[in-house]
Amino acid sequence: MKRTKNFLKKAAIGMFLIIQTMERIVAQNAAGIDQATTEVKSYIDPVSNLIIAIGAVVGLIGGIRVYIKWQSGDQDTQKSLMGWFGACLFLVLVGVVIKAFFA
């Protein structure tokens, strides 16, 4: 009977120590996750602005290439125009969606 009480006492102390350790680990992980979230949020605005700027440059290059095709009388102008316009639209929308998703 005495052995059972000692065992239960030791088991209770062991469980208490395990719970305390797990609580500290979870608290440290939560602090790390909060810090990572803050760092990611600080990069969102510059990255999305960069993506929008890249979309603008791609749009200018695409516009020039389509104009050159159009002036040379190429029959593939409309297909080229839709491809470049789609690429620019995609880049601009990605920049906006990234801002909206992480804001």
Foldseek 3Di string as FASTA:
>chain_A
DVVVVVVVVVVVVVVVVVVVVVVVVVVVVVVVVVVVLVVVLVCLLVVLVVLLVVLVVLLVVLVVVLVVCVVVPHPCSVVSNVVSVVVSVVSNVVSVVSNVVSD
